[in-house]
C-alpha atoms as a PDB file:
ATOM      1  CA  MET A   1       3.918  21.054   3.431  1.00  0.00           C
ATOM      2  CA  PRO A   2       2.151  19.331   6.348  1.00  0.00           C
ATOM      3  CA  SER A   3       3.798  19.469   9.745  1.00  0.00           C
ATOM      4  CA  PRO A   4       3.882  16.902  12.531  1.00  0.00           C
ATOM      5  CA  PRO A   5       1.467  17.482  15.397  1.00  0.00           C
ATOM      6  CA  GLU A   6       2.531  20.287  17.715  1.00  0.00           C
ATOM      7  CA  GLN A   7       3.694  19.392  21.192  1.00  0.00           C
ATOM      8  CA  GLY A   8       0.719  19.124  23.476  1.00  0.00           C
ATOM      9  CA  ALA A   9      -1.729  18.738  20.592  1.00  0.00           C
ATOM     10  CA  LYS A  10      -4.265  15.974  21.124  1.00  0.00           C
ATOM     11  CA  VAL A  11      -3.962  13.329  18.417  1.00  0.00           C
ATOM     12  CA  GLN A  12      -6.201  10.280  18.210  1.00  0.00           C
ATOM     13  CA  ILE A  13      -4.069   7.149  18.406  1.00  0.00           C
ATOM     14  CA  ALA A  14      -4.590   3.482  17.663  1.00  0.00           C
ATOM     15  CA  THR A  15      -2.977   0.623  19.565  1.00  0.00           C
ATOM     16  CA  LYS A  16      -5.484  -2.226  19.236  1.00  0.00           C
ATOM     17  CA  PRO A  17      -5.406  -4.823  16.450  1.00  0.00           C
ATOM     18  CA  PHE A  18      -8.189  -4.794  13.884  1.00  0.00           C
ATOM     19  CA  ARG A  19      -9.270  -6.587  10.737  1.00  0.00           C
ATOM     20  CA  LEU A  20     -10.460  -5.643   7.255  1.00  0.00           C
ATOM     21  CA  ASN A  21     -12.560  -8.101   5.246  1.00  0.00           C
ATOM     22  CA  SER A  22     -12.603  -8.416   1.468  1.00  0.00           C
ATOM     23  CA  PHE A  23     -15.829  -7.393  -0.204  1.00  0.00           C
ATOM     24  CA  ARG A  24     -17.361  -7.821  -3.615  1.00  0.00           C
ATOM     25  CA  GLY A  25     -17.965  -4.868  -5.870  1.00  0.00           C
ATOM     26  CA  ALA A  26     -21.001  -3.771  -7.817  1.00  0.00           C
ATOM     27  CA  PRO A  27     -21.977  -5.753 -10.947  1.00  0.00           C
ATOM     28  CA  SER A  28     -20.286  -3.051 -13.049  1.00  0.00           C
ATOM     29  CA  TYR A  29     -16.886  -4.251 -11.778  1.00  0.00           C
ATOM     30  CA  PRO A  30     -15.828  -7.199 -13.975  1.00  0.00           C
ATOM     31  CA  SER A  31     -13.479  -8.555 -11.321  1.00  0.00           C
ATOM     32  CA  GLY A  32     -16.236  -8.980  -8.739  1.00  0.00           C
ATOM     33  CA  PHE A  33     -13.812  -7.630  -6.124  1.00  0.00           C
ATOM     34  CA  GLU A  34     -13.528  -4.057  -4.943  1.00  0.00           C
ATOM     35  CA  GLY A  35     -11.353  -3.928  -1.828  1.00  0.00           C
ATOM     36  CA  TRP A  36     -11.194  -4.316   1.951  1.00  0.00           C
ATOM     37  CA  ARG A  37     -13.236  -2.750   4.744  1.00  0.00           C
ATOM     38  CA  GLY A  38     -13.623  -3.037   8.487  1.00  0.00           C
ATOM     39  CA  THR A  39     -13.504  -1.120  11.759  1.00  0.00           C
ATOM     40  CA  SER A  40     -10.640   0.035  13.976  1.00  0.00           C
ATOM     41  CA  PRO A  41     -11.715   0.177  17.656  1.00  0.00           C
ATOM     42  CA  GLU A  42     -10.183   3.652  18.023  1.00  0.00           C
ATOM     43  CA  LEU A  43     -10.511   5.177  14.527  1.00  0.00           C
ATOM     44  CA  GLY A  44     -13.824   3.798  13.292  1.00  0.00           C
ATOM     45  CA  ASP A  45     -14.685   2.497   9.818  1.00  0.00           C
ATOM     46  CA  VAL A  46     -11.819   2.065   7.357  1.00  0.00           C
ATOM     47  CA  SER A  47     -11.855   0.965   3.715  1.00  0.00           C
ATOM     48  CA  VAL A  48      -9.497   0.636   0.775  1.00  0.00           C
ATOM     49  CA  THR A  49     -10.913   0.218  -2.714  1.00  0.00           C
ATOM     50  CA  TYR A  50      -9.274  -0.422  -6.065  1.00  0.00           C
ATOM     51  CA  PRO A  51     -11.994  -1.262  -8.600  1.00  0.00           C
ATOM     52  CA  PHE A  52     -10.318  -3.140 -11.438  1.00  0.00           C
ATOM     53  CA  ARG A  53     -11.303  -2.971 -15.092  1.00  0.00           C
ATOM     54  CA  PRO A  54      -9.182  -5.051 -17.503  1.00  0.00           C
ATOM     55  CA  GLY A  55      -7.108  -3.197 -20.065  1.00  0.00           C
ATOM     56  CA  GLU A  56      -6.990   0.158 -18.319  1.00  0.00           C
ATOM     57  CA  TYR A  57      -3.894   2.328 -18.764  1.00  0.00           C
ATOM     58  CA  GLU A  58      -4.305   3.850 -15.297  1.00  0.00           C
ATOM     59  CA  LEU A  59      -5.088   2.264 -11.932  1.00  0.00           C
ATOM     60  CA  SER A  60      -5.924   3.910  -8.626  1.00  0.00           C
ATOM     61  CA  SER A  61      -6.540   2.932  -5.016  1.00  0.00           C
ATOM     62  CA  ILE A  62      -8.189   5.051  -2.342  1.00  0.00           C
ATOM     63  CA  VAL A  63      -8.295   4.764   1.460  1.00  0.00           C
ATOM     64  CA  GLN A  64     -11.113   6.434   3.375  1.00  0.00           C
ATOM     65  CA  GLY A  65     -12.413   6.319   6.916  1.00  0.00           C
ATOM     66  CA  GLU A  66     -14.076   8.097   9.798  1.00  0.00           C
ATOM     67  CA  GLY A  67     -10.950   8.942  11.756  1.00  0.00           C
ATOM     68  CA  ILE A  68      -8.194   8.822   9.125  1.00  0.00           C
ATOM     69  CA  PRO A  69      -7.128  11.110   6.267  1.00  0.00           C
ATOM     70  CA  THR A  70      -8.067  10.180   2.708  1.00  0.00           C
ATOM     71  CA  VAL A  71      -5.117   8.632   0.881  1.00  0.00           C
ATOM     72  CA  ARG A  72      -4.882   8.054  -2.880  1.00  0.00           C
ATOM     73  CA  TYR A  73      -2.386   6.030  -4.896  1.00  0.00           C
ATOM     74  CA  HIS A  74      -2.294   6.328  -8.672  1.00  0.00           C
ATOM     75  CA  THR A  75      -0.145   4.710 -11.333  1.00  0.00           C
ATOM     76  CA  LYS A  76      -0.209   4.630 -15.112  1.00  0.00           C
ATOM     77  CA  GLY A  77       1.623   2.917 -17.934  1.00  0.00           C
ATOM     78  CA  LEU A  78       1.375  -0.245 -19.997  1.00  0.00           C
ATOM     79  CA  HIS A  79       3.027  -2.197 -17.179  1.00  0.00           C
ATOM     80  CA  VAL A  80      -0.202  -2.127 -15.187  1.00  0.00           C
ATOM     81  CA  VAL A  81      -2.328  -4.167 -17.586  1.00  0.00           C
ATOM     82  CA  SER A  82      -0.387  -7.448 -17.743  1.00  0.00           C
ATOM     83  CA  GLY A  83      -2.372  -9.537 -15.278  1.00  0.00           C
ATOM     84  CA  LEU A  84      -2.347  -7.008 -12.439  1.00  0.00           C
ATOM     85  CA  PHE A  85      -5.470  -5.755 -10.720  1.00  0.00           C
ATOM     86  CA  MET A  86      -3.989  -3.095  -8.452  1.00  0.00           C
ATOM     87  CA  PRO A  87      -1.499  -0.223  -8.914  1.00  0.00           C
ATOM     88  CA  THR A  88       2.207  -1.056  -8.894  1.00  0.00           C
ATOM     89  CA  LEU A  89       5.144   0.662  -7.213  1.00  0.00           C
ATOM     90  CA  ASN A  90       6.416   1.799 -10.613  1.00  0.00           C
ATOM     91  CA  ARG A  91       5.519   5.356 -11.654  1.00  0.00           C
ATOM     92  CA  GLY A  92       3.226   5.707  -8.667  1.00  0.00           C
ATOM     93  CA  THR A  93       1.935   8.894  -7.063  1.00  0.00           C
ATOM     94  CA  LEU A  94       0.841   8.808  -3.411  1.00  0.00           C
ATOM     95  CA  ARG A  95      -1.128  11.584  -1.723  1.00  0.00           C
ATOM     96  CA  VAL A  96      -2.363  12.118   1.823  1.00  0.00           C
ATOM     97  CA  GLY A  97      -5.181  14.584   1.338  1.00  0.00           C
ATOM     98  CA  GLU A  98      -3.733  17.056  -1.177  1.00  0.00           C
ATOM     99  CA  ASP A  99      -0.119  16.521  -0.065  1.00  0.00           C
ATOM    100  CA  GLU A 100       2.145  14.335  -2.183  1.00  0.00           C
ATOM    101  CA  VAL A 101       4.263  11.757  -0.366  1.00  0.00           C
ATOM    102  CA  THR A 102       7.861  11.344  -1.561  1.00  0.00           C
ATOM    103  CA  MET A 103       8.771   7.715  -2.344  1.00  0.00           C
ATOM    104  CA  SER A 104      12.092   6.045  -3.149  1.00  0.00           C
ATOM    105  CA  ARG A 105      13.517   2.519  -3.158  1.00  0.00           C
ATOM    106  CA  ASN A 106      16.577   0.532  -4.192  1.00  0.00           C
ATOM    107  CA  ARG A 107      15.413  -1.828  -6.933  1.00  0.00           C
ATOM    108  CA  LEU A 108      18.699  -3.760  -6.742  1.00  0.00           C
ATOM    109  CA  GLY A 109      18.551  -4.426  -2.995  1.00  0.00           C
ATOM    110  CA  VAL A 110      19.332  -8.027  -2.016  1.00  0.00           C
ATOM    111  CA  THR A 111      17.496  -8.144   1.333  1.00  0.00           C
ATOM    112  CA  GLU A 112      13.974  -7.218   2.377  1.00  0.00           C
ATOM    113  CA  GLN A 113      15.271  -4.197   4.265  1.00  0.00           C
ATOM    114  CA  SER A 114      17.485  -2.974   1.416  1.00  0.00           C
ATOM    115  CA  ARG A 115      14.541  -3.259  -1.001  1.00  0.00           C
ATOM    116  CA  ALA A 116      12.256  -1.321   1.351  1.00  0.00           C
ATOM    117  CA  LEU A 117      10.177   1.575   0.099  1.00  0.00           C
ATOM    118  CA  HIS A 118      11.066   4.851   1.845  1.00  0.00           C
ATOM    119  CA  LEU A 119       8.383   7.513   2.255  1.00  0.00           C
ATOM    120  CA  THR A 120       8.469  11.083   3.501  1.00  0.00           C
ATOM    121  CA  HIS A 121       5.338  12.991   4.464  1.00  0.00           C
ATOM    122  CA  GLY A 122       5.878  16.361   6.067  1.00  0.00           C
ATOM    123  CA  GLY A 123       8.410  15.801   8.830  1.00  0.00           C
ATOM    124  CA  ASP A 124       7.694  12.067   9.101  1.00  0.00           C
ATOM    125  CA  GLU A 125       9.843   9.343   7.559  1.00  0.00           C
ATOM    126  CA  TYR A 126       8.475   5.858   6.902  1.00  0.00           C
ATOM    127  CA  ARG A 127       9.831   2.539   5.704  1.00  0.00           C
ATOM    128  CA  LEU A 128       7.698  -0.180   4.078  1.00  0.00           C
ATOM    129  CA  TRP A 129       9.103  -3.678   3.625  1.00  0.00           C
ATOM    130  CA  ALA A 130       7.896  -7.162   2.765  1.00  0.00           C
ATOM    131  CA  ILE A 131       7.989  -9.873   5.419  1.00  0.00           C
ATOM    132  CA  SER A 132       6.529 -12.370   2.956  1.00  0.00           C
ATOM    133  CA  ARG A 133       4.317 -12.239  -0.124  1.00  0.00           C
ATOM    134  CA  LEU A 134       1.178 -11.726   1.992  1.00  0.00           C
ATOM    135  CA  HIS A 135       2.740  -9.994   4.994  1.00  0.00           C
ATOM    136  CA  TYR A 136       4.292  -6.520   5.185  1.00  0.00           C
ATOM    137  CA  ALA A 137       5.187  -3.818   7.693  1.00  0.00           C
ATOM    138  CA  LEU A 138       5.184  -0.021   7.726  1.00  0.00           C
ATOM    139  CA  ALA A 139       7.357   1.771  10.299  1.00  0.00           C
ATOM    140  CA  ARG A 140       7.488   5.470  11.162  1.00  0.00           C
ATOM    141  CA  LYS A 141      10.790   6.692  12.576  1.00  0.00           C
ATOM    142  CA  PRO A 142      10.855   8.484  15.942  1.00  0.00           C
ATOM    143  CA  SER A 143      10.742  12.268  15.612  1.00  0.00           C
ATOM    144  CA  GLY A 144      11.452  14.643  18.481  1.00  0.00           C
ATOM    145  CA  GLU A 145       9.395  13.493  21.455  1.00  0.00           C
ATOM    146  CA  ARG A 146       7.170  11.301  19.266  1.00  0.00           C
ATOM    147  CA  PRO A 147       8.232   7.651  19.459  1.00  0.00           C
ATOM    148  CA  GLY A 148       8.244   5.506  16.363  1.00  0.00           C
ATOM    149  CA  VAL A 149       5.582   2.945  15.502  1.00  0.00           C
ATOM    150  CA  THR A 150       5.316  -0.184  13.364  1.00  0.00           C
ATOM    151  CA  VAL A 151       2.119  -1.510  11.790  1.00  0.00           C
ATOM    152  CA  GLN A 152       2.157  -5.070  10.455  1.00  0.00           C
ATOM    153  CA  VAL A 153      -0.413  -6.255   7.927  1.00  0.00           C
ATOM    154  CA  GLU A 154      -0.992  -9.904   7.029  1.00  0.00           C
ATOM    155  CA  GLN A 155      -3.470 -11.332   4.541  1.00  0.00           C
ATOM    156  CA  SER A 156      -5.226 -14.590   5.315  1.00  0.00           C
ATOM    157  CA  GLY A 157      -5.289 -17.547   2.954  1.00  0.00           C
ATOM    158  CA  LYS A 158      -4.181 -17.436  -0.649  1.00  0.00           C
ATOM    159  CA  HIS A 159      -3.456 -14.493  -2.906  1.00  0.00           C
ATOM    160  CA  GLY A 160      -5.258 -13.967  -6.187  1.00  0.00           C
ATOM    161  CA  MET A 161      -8.475 -12.646  -7.617  1.00  0.00           C
ATOM    162  CA  ARG A 162     -10.467 -15.866  -7.192  1.00  0.00           C
ATOM    163  CA  ALA A 163      -9.745 -16.045  -3.465  1.00  0.00           C
ATOM    164  CA  MET A 164     -10.277 -12.341  -2.870  1.00  0.00           C
ATOM    165  CA  LYS A 165     -13.590 -12.075  -4.706  1.00  0.00           C
ATOM    166  CA  SER A 166     -14.959 -14.890  -2.532  1.00  0.00           C
ATOM    167  CA  GLY A 167     -15.502 -12.315   0.216  1.00  0.00           C
ATOM    168  CA  ARG A 168     -13.977 -14.629   2.828  1.00  0.00           C
ATOM    169  CA  MET A 169     -10.470 -13.156   2.921  1.00  0.00           C
ATOM    170  CA  HIS A 170      -9.248 -10.712   5.548  1.00  0.00           C
ATOM    171  CA  LEU A 171      -6.304  -8.498   6.499  1.00  0.00           C
ATOM    172  CA  SER A 172      -5.028  -8.522  10.090  1.00  0.00           C
ATOM    173  CA  PHE A 173      -3.445  -5.308  11.435  1.00  0.00           C
ATOM    174  CA  THR A 174      -1.215  -5.354  14.508  1.00  0.00           C
ATOM    175  CA  ILE A 175       0.368  -2.236  15.991  1.00  0.00           C
ATOM    176  CA  GLU A 176       3.645  -1.938  17.893  1.00  0.00           C
ATOM    177  CA  GLY A 177       3.468   1.438  19.629  1.00  0.00           C
ATOM    178  CA  CYS A 178       0.901   4.202  19.236  1.00  0.00           C
ATOM    179  CA  ALA A 179      -0.209   4.724  15.642  1.00  0.00           C
ATOM    180  CA  GLU A 180      -1.603   8.046  14.479  1.00  0.00           C
ATOM    181  CA  PRO A 181      -4.367   8.316  11.839  1.00  0.00           C
ATOM    182  CA  THR A 182      -1.911   8.936   8.983  1.00  0.00           C
ATOM    183  CA  ASP A 183       0.143   5.892  10.024  1.00  0.00           C
ATOM    184  CA  ILE A 184      -2.926   3.680   9.796  1.00  0.00           C
ATOM    185  CA  ALA A 185      -4.104   5.219   6.513  1.00  0.00           C
ATOM    186  CA  LEU A 186      -0.721   4.599   4.869  1.00  0.00           C
ATOM    187  CA  ALA A 187      -0.506   1.040   6.211  1.00  0.00           C
ATOM    188  CA  VAL A 188      -3.981   0.315   4.858  1.00  0.00           C
ATOM    189  CA  MET A 189      -3.143   1.861   1.483  1.00  0.00           C
ATOM    190  CA  PHE A 190      -0.394  -0.615   0.681  1.00  0.00           C
ATOM    191  CA  SER A 191      -2.864  -3.479   0.878  1.00  0.00           C
ATOM    192  CA  GLY A 192      -4.222  -1.896  -2.325  1.00  0.00           C
ATOM    193  CA  VAL A 193      -0.832  -1.636  -4.069  1.00  0.00           C
ATOM    194  CA  ASP A 194       1.061  -4.480  -5.733  1.00  0.00           C
ATOM    195  CA  ARG A 195       4.075  -4.991  -3.437  1.00  0.00           C
ATOM    196  CA  SER A 196       5.623  -7.961  -5.247  1.00  0.00           C
ATOM    197  CA  THR A 197       8.825  -6.083  -6.170  1.00  0.00           C
ATOM    198  CA  LEU A 198       9.622  -5.755  -2.454  1.00  0.00           C
ATOM    199  CA  THR A 199       9.941  -9.552  -2.171  1.00  0.00           C
ATOM    200  CA  ALA A 200      12.949 -11.586  -3.306  1.00  0.00           C
ATOM    201  CA  GLY A 201      11.054 -13.449  -6.024  1.00  0.00           C
ATOM    202  CA  GLY A 202       9.217 -10.374  -7.218  1.00  0.00           C
ATOM    203  CA  SER A 203      12.379  -8.303  -7.514  1.00  0.00           C
ATOM    204  CA  VAL A 204      14.025 -10.995  -9.669  1.00  0.00           C
ATOM    205  CA  ARG A 205      10.992 -11.218 -11.951  1.00  0.00           C
ATOM    206  CA  ALA A 206      10.912  -7.435 -12.244  1.00  0.00           C
ATOM    207  CA  MET A 207      14.603  -7.381 -13.177  1.00  0.00           C
ATOM    208  CA  PHE A 208      14.047  -9.844 -16.033  1.00  0.00           C
ATOM    209  CA  ALA A 209      10.961  -7.921 -17.146  1.00  0.00           C
ATOM    210  CA  ARG A 210      12.965  -4.692 -17.316  1.00  0.00           C
ATOM    211  CA  GLY A 211      15.624  -6.485 -19.356  1.00  0.00           C
ATOM    212  CA  SER A 212      12.986  -7.757 -21.792  1.00  0.00           C
ATOM    213  CA  ASP A 213      11.491  -4.288 -22.145  1.00  0.00           C
ATOM    214  CA  GLN A 214      14.913  -2.800 -22.882  1.00  0.00           C
ATOM    215  CA  ALA A 215      15.594  -5.493 -25.484  1.00  0.00           C
ATOM    216  CA  VAL A 216      12.314  -4.701 -27.220  1.00  0.00           C
ATOM    217  CA  GLU A 217      13.142  -1.005 -27.241  1.00  0.00           C
ATOM    218  CA  LEU A 218      16.586  -1.684 -28.759  1.00  0.00           C
ATOM    219  CA  GLY A 219      15.104  -4.013 -31.352  1.00  0.00           C
ATOM    220  CA  THR A 220      12.487  -1.507 -32.440  1.00  0.00           C
ATOM    221  CA  GLY A 221      14.817   1.471 -32.332  1.00  0.00           C
ATOM    222  CA  LEU A 222      12.645   3.321 -29.773  1.00  0.00           C
END
């Protein structure tokens, strides 16, 4: 299990805002959209990719960069093929390098904070919540002498494949505190994960979808 940086250890930090721009994928990607990429002034080049192919049973996103750890998010199941083009929070597996990150959330929460996704990586605890459909925040709790930090991420313009594949969309990252490489990598990752169930509208739709799925299972005797 990874450990937080030792006292006195030199850790590269990020405090300055930065931006990631959407970019089009290779012709082999039917969606014409592959992800987001840009440069952090302190941590160098950063990218998140989630090449989408319709009808796949499994979807994955990956974050890579010069000064950040590689992060992968993977989900599978029939729920990922109904109009989605990125992994969902259901049945997801998140890894920083080779280390799995523990995730939990209250699907019945009535506020943004109560619906937040809670993550644990080594000795660090995080909380991810929706501010709006295109705006979210990731916060790391203080630990020992290390203060906490919050990274906010907001997408410009409209959501949807048509807007994103235009190549003119961008994500704005703002940092409250001193973010470490893993903080940034995790914040970037959730731009490549469908976060709709963290919003009020998305959680209601998900609740009705779960009810429909259960009704189908009862009707078919599964």
